């Protein structure tokens, strides 16, 4: 169930922000086939809209929370808490983050 939520999140955030180890998002059979691409994210995160950057940042936090903190610092943001995340996201993105939290098996 985590993998399905992860793939949904990758499609919403944009596959270009994830390393491609399979032909497309739906072909992934393991979360490691679609790991976040730090360089691609760092190159654009400050130019993304608030909701987009919060969603991408939240997705990244499941993969590596330490790098996530560095991404936030690069945006001159303080730690974003769950309320900030909820306020920044639309319903579909909230659902993805909720499912990722519910089914997170660890990375």
N, C-alpha and C. Protein backbone atom coordinates (compact mmCIF):
# COMPACT_ATOMS: atom_id res chain seq x y z
N UNK A 1 0.80 -1.19 0.00
CA UNK A 1 0.00 0.00 0.00
C UNK A 1 0.86 1.27 0.00
N UNK A 2 2.03 1.19 0.68
CA UNK A 2 2.94 2.33 0.64
C UNK A 2 3.38 2.61 -0.79
N UNK A 3 3.73 1.54 -1.51
CA UNK A 3 4.22 1.71 -2.88
C UNK A 3 3.17 2.39 -3.76
N UNK A 4 1.91 2.02 -3.62
CA UNK A 4 0.86 2.65 -4.43
C UNK A 4 0.74 4.13 -4.09
N UNK A 5 0.80 4.46 -2.80
CA UNK A 5 0.75 5.87 -2.40
C UNK A 5 1.98 6.61 -2.90
N UNK A 6 3.14 5.95 -2.84
CA UNK A 6 4.38 6.58 -3.30
C UNK A 6 4.29 6.88 -4.81
N UNK A 7 3.82 5.91 -5.58
CA UNK A 7 3.70 6.12 -7.03
C UNK A 7 2.71 7.25 -7.33
N UNK A 8 1.63 7.31 -6.59
CA UNK A 8 0.66 8.39 -6.77
C UNK A 8 1.34 9.73 -6.49
N UNK A 9 2.11 9.79 -5.41
CA UNK A 9 2.84 11.00 -5.07
C UNK A 9 3.86 11.39 -6.13
N UNK A 10 4.55 10.42 -6.67
CA UNK A 10 5.53 10.69 -7.73
C UNK A 10 4.83 11.28 -8.95
N UNK A 11 3.68 10.72 -9.31
CA UNK A 11 2.94 11.26 -10.46
C UNK A 11 2.50 12.70 -10.20
N UNK A 12 2.03 12.99 -8.97
CA UNK A 12 1.58 14.34 -8.64
C UNK A 12 2.73 15.34 -8.57
N UNK A 13 3.82 14.94 -7.94
CA UNK A 13 4.97 15.84 -7.78
C UNK A 13 5.67 16.07 -9.11
N UNK A 14 5.74 15.03 -9.90
CA UNK A 14 6.44 15.09 -11.19
C UNK A 14 7.55 14.07 -11.21
N UNK A 15 7.47 13.09 -12.11
CA UNK A 15 8.49 12.04 -12.19
C UNK A 15 9.90 12.57 -12.41
N UNK A 16 10.01 13.80 -12.94
CA UNK A 16 11.33 14.38 -13.19
C UNK A 16 12.12 14.64 -11.91
N UNK A 17 11.45 14.58 -10.76
CA UNK A 17 12.13 14.81 -9.48
C UNK A 17 12.55 13.51 -8.80
N UNK A 18 12.47 12.42 -9.53
CA UNK A 18 12.78 11.11 -8.96
C UNK A 18 13.69 10.35 -9.92
N UNK A 19 14.62 9.60 -9.36
CA UNK A 19 15.52 8.78 -10.18
C UNK A 19 14.72 7.69 -10.86
N UNK A 20 15.00 7.47 -12.11
CA UNK A 20 14.24 6.53 -12.92
C UNK A 20 15.01 5.22 -13.05
N UNK A 21 14.48 4.19 -12.44
CA UNK A 21 15.10 2.87 -12.56
C UNK A 21 14.17 1.88 -13.27
N UNK A 22 13.02 2.39 -13.70
CA UNK A 22 12.04 1.60 -14.45
C UNK A 22 11.48 2.50 -15.55
N UNK A 23 10.86 1.92 -16.57
CA UNK A 23 10.39 2.73 -17.70
C UNK A 23 9.39 3.83 -17.34
N UNK A 24 8.49 3.56 -16.39
CA UNK A 24 7.53 4.58 -15.98
C UNK A 24 7.13 4.34 -14.53
N UNK A 25 6.41 5.27 -13.99
CA UNK A 25 6.03 5.22 -12.57
C UNK A 25 5.29 3.93 -12.24
N UNK A 26 4.33 3.57 -13.07
CA UNK A 26 3.51 2.39 -12.77
C UNK A 26 4.28 1.08 -12.85
N UNK A 27 5.42 1.06 -13.52
CA UNK A 27 6.22 -0.17 -13.63
C UNK A 27 7.01 -0.46 -12.35
N UNK A 28 7.09 0.50 -11.45
CA UNK A 28 7.86 0.30 -10.22
C UNK A 28 7.22 -0.79 -9.37
N UNK A 29 8.06 -1.70 -8.90
CA UNK A 29 7.61 -2.77 -8.01
C UNK A 29 8.23 -2.62 -6.63
N UNK A 30 9.05 -1.59 -6.47
CA UNK A 30 9.73 -1.31 -5.21
C UNK A 30 9.95 0.20 -5.11
N UNK A 31 9.83 0.74 -3.92
CA UNK A 31 9.99 2.19 -3.74
C UNK A 31 11.37 2.68 -4.14
N UNK A 32 12.37 1.81 -4.07
CA UNK A 32 13.73 2.21 -4.43
C UNK A 32 13.91 2.44 -5.93
N UNK A 33 12.94 2.02 -6.72
CA UNK A 33 13.01 2.26 -8.16
C UNK A 33 12.59 3.68 -8.52
N UNK A 34 12.14 4.43 -7.54
CA UNK A 34 11.73 5.82 -7.73
C UNK A 34 12.15 6.66 -6.53
N UNK A 35 13.44 6.64 -6.24
CA UNK A 35 13.96 7.46 -5.15
C UNK A 35 13.99 8.92 -5.56
N UNK A 36 13.79 9.84 -4.60
CA UNK A 36 13.89 11.25 -4.94
C UNK A 36 15.27 11.60 -5.49
N UNK A 37 15.30 12.50 -6.45
CA UNK A 37 16.55 12.96 -7.05
C UNK A 37 16.91 14.30 -6.41
N UNK A 38 17.81 14.26 -5.47
CA UNK A 38 18.16 15.45 -4.70
C UNK A 38 18.59 16.62 -5.58
N UNK A 39 19.44 16.36 -6.55
CA UNK A 39 19.94 17.43 -7.41
C UNK A 39 18.81 18.10 -8.19
N UNK A 40 17.91 17.29 -8.73
CA UNK A 40 16.79 17.85 -9.49
C UNK A 40 15.88 18.68 -8.59
N UNK A 41 15.66 18.21 -7.38
CA UNK A 41 14.81 18.92 -6.44
C UNK A 41 15.47 20.22 -5.99
N UNK A 42 16.74 20.15 -5.63
CA UNK A 42 17.44 21.35 -5.18
C UNK A 42 17.49 22.42 -6.26
N UNK A 43 17.52 22.00 -7.51
CA UNK A 43 17.62 22.95 -8.62
C UNK A 43 16.35 23.78 -8.79
N UNK A 44 15.22 23.26 -8.32
CA UNK A 44 13.96 23.97 -8.59
C UNK A 44 13.11 24.30 -7.37
N UNK A 45 13.44 23.75 -6.22
CA UNK A 45 12.51 23.84 -5.09
C UNK A 45 12.20 25.28 -4.69
N UNK A 46 13.15 26.17 -4.81
CA UNK A 46 12.88 27.56 -4.41
C UNK A 46 12.03 28.29 -5.45
N UNK A 47 11.89 27.74 -6.64
CA UNK A 47 11.08 28.36 -7.69
C UNK A 47 9.66 27.80 -7.75
N UNK A 48 9.42 26.71 -7.04
CA UNK A 48 8.10 26.09 -7.04
C UNK A 48 7.14 26.89 -6.16
N UNK A 49 5.87 26.73 -6.42
CA UNK A 49 4.86 27.33 -5.57
C UNK A 49 4.90 26.70 -4.18
N UNK A 50 4.29 27.36 -3.23
CA UNK A 50 4.31 26.89 -1.84
C UNK A 50 3.79 25.47 -1.70
N UNK A 51 2.63 25.18 -2.26
CA UNK A 51 2.07 23.83 -2.14
C UNK A 51 2.93 22.78 -2.81
N UNK A 52 3.46 23.11 -3.98
CA UNK A 52 4.32 22.16 -4.70
C UNK A 52 5.59 21.87 -3.91
N UNK A 53 6.22 22.92 -3.38
CA UNK A 53 7.47 22.71 -2.65
C UNK A 53 7.23 21.96 -1.35
N UNK A 54 6.14 22.26 -0.65
CA UNK A 54 5.83 21.55 0.59
C UNK A 54 5.54 20.08 0.30
N UNK A 55 4.82 19.80 -0.79
CA UNK A 55 4.52 18.41 -1.14
C UNK A 55 5.79 17.65 -1.49
N UNK A 56 6.62 18.23 -2.33
CA UNK A 56 7.86 17.58 -2.73
C UNK A 56 8.78 17.37 -1.53
N UNK A 57 8.86 18.38 -0.68
CA UNK A 57 9.64 18.29 0.54
C UNK A 57 9.11 17.19 1.46
N UNK A 58 7.80 17.11 1.59
CA UNK A 58 7.19 16.09 2.44
C UNK A 58 7.46 14.70 1.90
N UNK A 59 7.37 14.55 0.58
CA UNK A 59 7.69 13.26 -0.03
C UNK A 59 9.15 12.90 0.26
N UNK A 60 10.04 13.89 0.10
CA UNK A 60 11.46 13.63 0.32
C UNK A 60 11.72 13.19 1.76
N UNK A 61 10.95 13.71 2.70
CA UNK A 61 11.19 13.38 4.10
C UNK A 61 11.02 11.89 4.39
N UNK A 62 10.21 11.20 3.61
CA UNK A 62 10.07 9.76 3.81
C UNK A 62 11.34 9.03 3.40
N UNK A 63 12.05 9.58 2.45
CA UNK A 63 13.29 8.97 1.96
C UNK A 63 14.48 9.34 2.83
N UNK A 64 14.62 10.62 3.16
CA UNK A 64 15.79 11.06 3.93
C UNK A 64 15.44 12.35 4.67
N UNK A 65 15.13 12.24 5.94
CA UNK A 65 14.69 13.41 6.69
C UNK A 65 15.82 14.40 6.93
N UNK A 66 17.06 13.95 6.98
CA UNK A 66 18.17 14.87 7.19
C UNK A 66 18.35 15.81 5.99
N UNK A 67 18.28 15.27 4.79
CA UNK A 67 18.38 16.11 3.60
C UNK A 67 17.16 17.01 3.52
N UNK A 68 16.03 16.52 3.94
CA UNK A 68 14.82 17.34 3.95
C UNK A 68 15.05 18.61 4.76
N UNK A 69 15.70 18.48 5.90
CA UNK A 69 15.99 19.66 6.73
C UNK A 69 16.87 20.64 5.97
N UNK A 70 17.82 20.14 5.22
CA UNK A 70 18.68 21.02 4.42
C UNK A 70 17.88 21.72 3.32
N UNK A 71 16.93 21.01 2.72
CA UNK A 71 16.08 21.62 1.70
C UNK A 71 15.28 22.77 2.30
N UNK A 72 14.75 22.55 3.49
CA UNK A 72 13.98 23.61 4.14
C UNK A 72 14.86 24.81 4.45
N UNK A 73 16.06 24.55 4.91
CA UNK A 73 16.97 25.65 5.22
C UNK A 73 17.30 26.44 3.96
N UNK A 74 17.43 25.76 2.83
CA UNK A 74 17.73 26.47 1.59
C UNK A 74 16.58 27.37 1.19
N UNK A 75 15.39 27.08 1.67
CA UNK A 75 14.22 27.90 1.38
C UNK A 75 14.00 28.97 2.45
N UNK A 76 14.93 29.06 3.39
CA UNK A 76 14.79 29.98 4.52
C UNK A 76 13.50 29.74 5.29
N UNK A 77 13.16 28.48 5.46
CA UNK A 77 11.96 28.13 6.23
C UNK A 77 12.37 27.50 7.54
N UNK A 78 11.57 27.71 8.51
CA UNK A 78 11.75 26.99 9.77
C UNK A 78 11.16 25.60 9.55
N UNK A 79 11.31 24.76 10.52
CA UNK A 79 10.75 23.42 10.42
C UNK A 79 9.26 23.51 10.10
N UNK A 80 8.85 22.83 9.08
CA UNK A 80 7.44 22.80 8.72
C UNK A 80 6.79 21.68 9.54
N UNK A 81 5.75 22.03 10.29
CA UNK A 81 5.07 21.00 11.07
C UNK A 81 3.87 20.45 10.29
N UNK A 82 3.23 19.46 10.85
CA UNK A 82 2.15 18.79 10.15
C UNK A 82 1.00 19.74 9.84
N UNK A 83 0.76 20.72 10.70
CA UNK A 83 -0.30 21.72 10.43
C UNK A 83 0.06 22.59 9.23
N UNK A 84 1.33 22.98 9.14
CA UNK A 84 1.78 23.78 7.99
C UNK A 84 1.64 22.98 6.70
N UNK A 85 1.98 21.71 6.78
CA UNK A 85 1.87 20.85 5.60
C UNK A 85 0.41 20.76 5.17
N UNK A 86 -0.48 20.49 6.13
CA UNK A 86 -1.90 20.36 5.82
C UNK A 86 -2.46 21.64 5.21
N UNK A 87 -2.04 22.77 5.72
CA UNK A 87 -2.55 24.06 5.22
C UNK A 87 -2.06 24.35 3.80
N UNK A 88 -0.90 23.83 3.44
CA UNK A 88 -0.30 24.13 2.13
C UNK A 88 -0.78 23.21 1.02
N UNK A 89 -1.35 22.06 1.37
CA UNK A 89 -1.67 21.05 0.36
C UNK A 89 -3.15 21.02 0.02
N UNK A 90 -3.43 20.64 -1.22
CA UNK A 90 -4.82 20.40 -1.62
C UNK A 90 -5.23 19.01 -1.14
N UNK A 91 -6.49 18.67 -1.32
CA UNK A 91 -7.02 17.42 -0.80
C UNK A 91 -6.32 16.18 -1.31
N UNK A 92 -6.01 16.14 -2.60
CA UNK A 92 -5.36 14.96 -3.17
C UNK A 92 -3.97 14.76 -2.60
N UNK A 93 -3.23 15.83 -2.44
CA UNK A 93 -1.87 15.73 -1.89
C UNK A 93 -1.90 15.39 -0.40
N UNK A 94 -2.88 15.92 0.32
CA UNK A 94 -3.06 15.54 1.73
C UNK A 94 -3.32 14.05 1.85
N UNK A 95 -4.14 13.53 0.94
CA UNK A 95 -4.45 12.11 0.96
C UNK A 95 -3.20 11.26 0.72
N UNK A 96 -2.36 11.68 -0.22
CA UNK A 96 -1.12 10.95 -0.49
C UNK A 96 -0.23 10.95 0.75
N UNK A 97 -0.02 12.12 1.35
CA UNK A 97 0.85 12.19 2.54
C UNK A 97 0.24 11.37 3.67
N UNK A 98 -1.08 11.43 3.83
CA UNK A 98 -1.74 10.61 4.85
C UNK A 98 -1.52 9.13 4.63
N UNK A 99 -1.65 8.68 3.37
CA UNK A 99 -1.41 7.27 3.06
C UNK A 99 0.05 6.88 3.28
N UNK A 100 0.96 7.77 2.91
CA UNK A 100 2.37 7.48 3.15
C UNK A 100 2.66 7.34 4.64
N UNK A 101 2.07 8.22 5.44
CA UNK A 101 2.24 8.12 6.90
C UNK A 101 1.63 6.81 7.43
N UNK A 102 0.45 6.49 6.94
CA UNK A 102 -0.26 5.30 7.42
C UNK A 102 0.50 4.01 7.10
N UNK A 103 1.10 3.94 5.94
CA UNK A 103 1.69 2.68 5.48
C UNK A 103 3.23 2.69 5.45
N UNK A 104 3.85 3.71 6.00
CA UNK A 104 5.31 3.83 5.94
C UNK A 104 6.00 2.64 6.61
N UNK A 105 6.80 1.89 5.83
CA UNK A 105 7.50 0.73 6.38
C UNK A 105 8.95 1.04 6.78
N UNK A 106 9.35 2.31 6.64
CA UNK A 106 10.77 2.66 6.79
C UNK A 106 11.43 2.57 5.42
N UNK A 107 12.52 3.29 5.27
CA UNK A 107 13.20 3.24 3.98
C UNK A 107 14.39 2.33 4.12
